Structures are given as C-alpha cells and as structure tokens.
C-alpha cells in the first residue's frame, strides 16, 4: 500500500512511484551522526535499488 502523504524524489529507488509517491509499506530513517540537525544528517534505510 502506498503512503500518499510521503513524497520521495529518489527515482532510482525500488519503492519510488508515480507522482513522487513512496510505495513502501513503511520507512526507516536514521541519523548519520549523533544528532540530526538538517536533512543531510539523516539516511533512509528503506532505500532499495531498482531492478
């Protein structure tokens, strides 16, 4: 089931869908450092390459 309110522009991800919607059942986002202060400080663990 798509999460219609979750937008994603990573078009190389397996879960990327039409209209930049994420088609994953859930997402996991973690810190890249101790504390995230910007989006650059995070990383999406749900990413899976297309193919």
C-alpha atoms as a PDB file:
ATOM      1  CA  UNK A   1       0.000   0.000   0.000  1.00  0.00           C
ATOM      2  CA  UNK A   2       1.373   3.405  -0.949  1.00  0.00           C
ATOM      3  CA  UNK A   3       1.748   6.149   1.640  1.00  0.00           C
ATOM      4  CA  UNK A   4       0.121   9.026  -0.289  1.00  0.00           C
ATOM      5  CA  UNK A   5       1.473  11.719   2.034  1.00  0.00           C
ATOM      6  CA  UNK A   6       5.076  10.523   1.810  1.00  0.00           C
ATOM      7  CA  UNK A   7       6.864  12.147  -1.106  1.00  0.00           C
ATOM      8  CA  UNK A   8      10.156  10.852  -2.499  1.00  0.00           C
ATOM      9  CA  UNK A   9      12.147  12.134  -5.463  1.00  0.00           C
ATOM     10  CA  UNK A  10      14.737   9.311  -5.454  1.00  0.00           C
ATOM     11  CA  UNK A  11      13.706   7.823  -8.794  1.00  0.00           C
ATOM     12  CA  UNK A  12      16.375   5.105  -8.562  1.00  0.00           C
ATOM     13  CA  UNK A  13      14.623   3.519  -5.541  1.00  0.00           C
ATOM     14  CA  UNK A  14      12.554   0.332  -5.921  1.00  0.00           C
ATOM     15  CA  UNK A  15       9.722   1.970  -3.953  1.00  0.00           C
ATOM     16  CA  UNK A  16       9.584   5.195  -5.989  1.00  0.00           C
ATOM     17  CA  UNK A  17       6.168   5.634  -7.605  1.00  0.00           C
ATOM     18  CA  UNK A  18       4.282   7.858  -9.999  1.00  0.00           C
ATOM     19  CA  UNK A  19       3.961  11.430  -8.803  1.00  0.00           C
ATOM     20  CA  UNK A  20       6.966  11.013  -6.458  1.00  0.00           C
ATOM     21  CA  UNK A  21       4.982   8.831  -4.033  1.00  0.00           C
ATOM     22  CA  UNK A  22       6.732   6.216  -1.893  1.00  0.00           C
ATOM     23  CA  UNK A  23       5.226   2.726  -2.382  1.00  0.00           C
ATOM     24  CA  UNK A  24       6.980   1.133   0.628  1.00  0.00           C
ATOM     25  CA  UNK A  25       4.799  -0.263   3.427  1.00  0.00           C
ATOM     26  CA  UNK A  26       6.895   1.699   5.929  1.00  0.00           C
ATOM     27  CA  UNK A  27      10.113   3.668   6.132  1.00  0.00           C
ATOM     28  CA  UNK A  28      13.140   3.729   8.406  1.00  0.00           C
ATOM     29  CA  UNK A  29      15.219   6.886   8.677  1.00  0.00           C
ATOM     30  CA  UNK A  30      18.331   7.029  10.857  1.00  0.00           C
ATOM     31  CA  UNK A  31      20.933   9.577  11.926  1.00  0.00           C
ATOM     32  CA  UNK A  32      24.208   9.740  10.053  1.00  0.00           C
ATOM     33  CA  UNK A  33      25.753  11.407  13.095  1.00  0.00           C
ATOM     34  CA  UNK A  34      24.800  11.594  16.790  1.00  0.00           C
ATOM     35  CA  UNK A  35      22.002  14.126  16.314  1.00  0.00           C
ATOM     36  CA  UNK A  36      20.301  15.215  13.127  1.00  0.00           C
ATOM     37  CA  UNK A  37      20.021  18.970  12.665  1.00  0.00           C
ATOM     38  CA  UNK A  38      19.332  19.013   8.917  1.00  0.00           C
ATOM     39  CA  UNK A  39      18.021  16.529   6.350  1.00  0.00           C
ATOM     40  CA  UNK A  40      21.636  15.971   5.282  1.00  0.00           C
ATOM     41  CA  UNK A  41      22.246  14.434   8.721  1.00  0.00           C
ATOM     42  CA  UNK A  42      19.773  11.616   8.013  1.00  0.00           C
ATOM     43  CA  UNK A  43      19.798   8.500   5.860  1.00  0.00           C
ATOM     44  CA  UNK A  44      16.878   6.416   4.554  1.00  0.00           C
ATOM     45  CA  UNK A  45      17.425   2.753   5.458  1.00  0.00           C
ATOM     46  CA  UNK A  46      14.386   1.751   3.370  1.00  0.00           C
ATOM     47  CA  UNK A  47      16.143   2.609   0.081  1.00  0.00           C
ATOM     48  CA  UNK A  48      16.438  -0.394  -2.222  1.00  0.00           C
ATOM     49  CA  UNK A  49      17.865  -0.013  -5.749  1.00  0.00           C
ATOM     50  CA  UNK A  50      15.512  -0.635  -8.659  1.00  0.00           C
ATOM     51  CA  UNK A  51      15.967  -3.833 -10.581  1.00  0.00           C
END
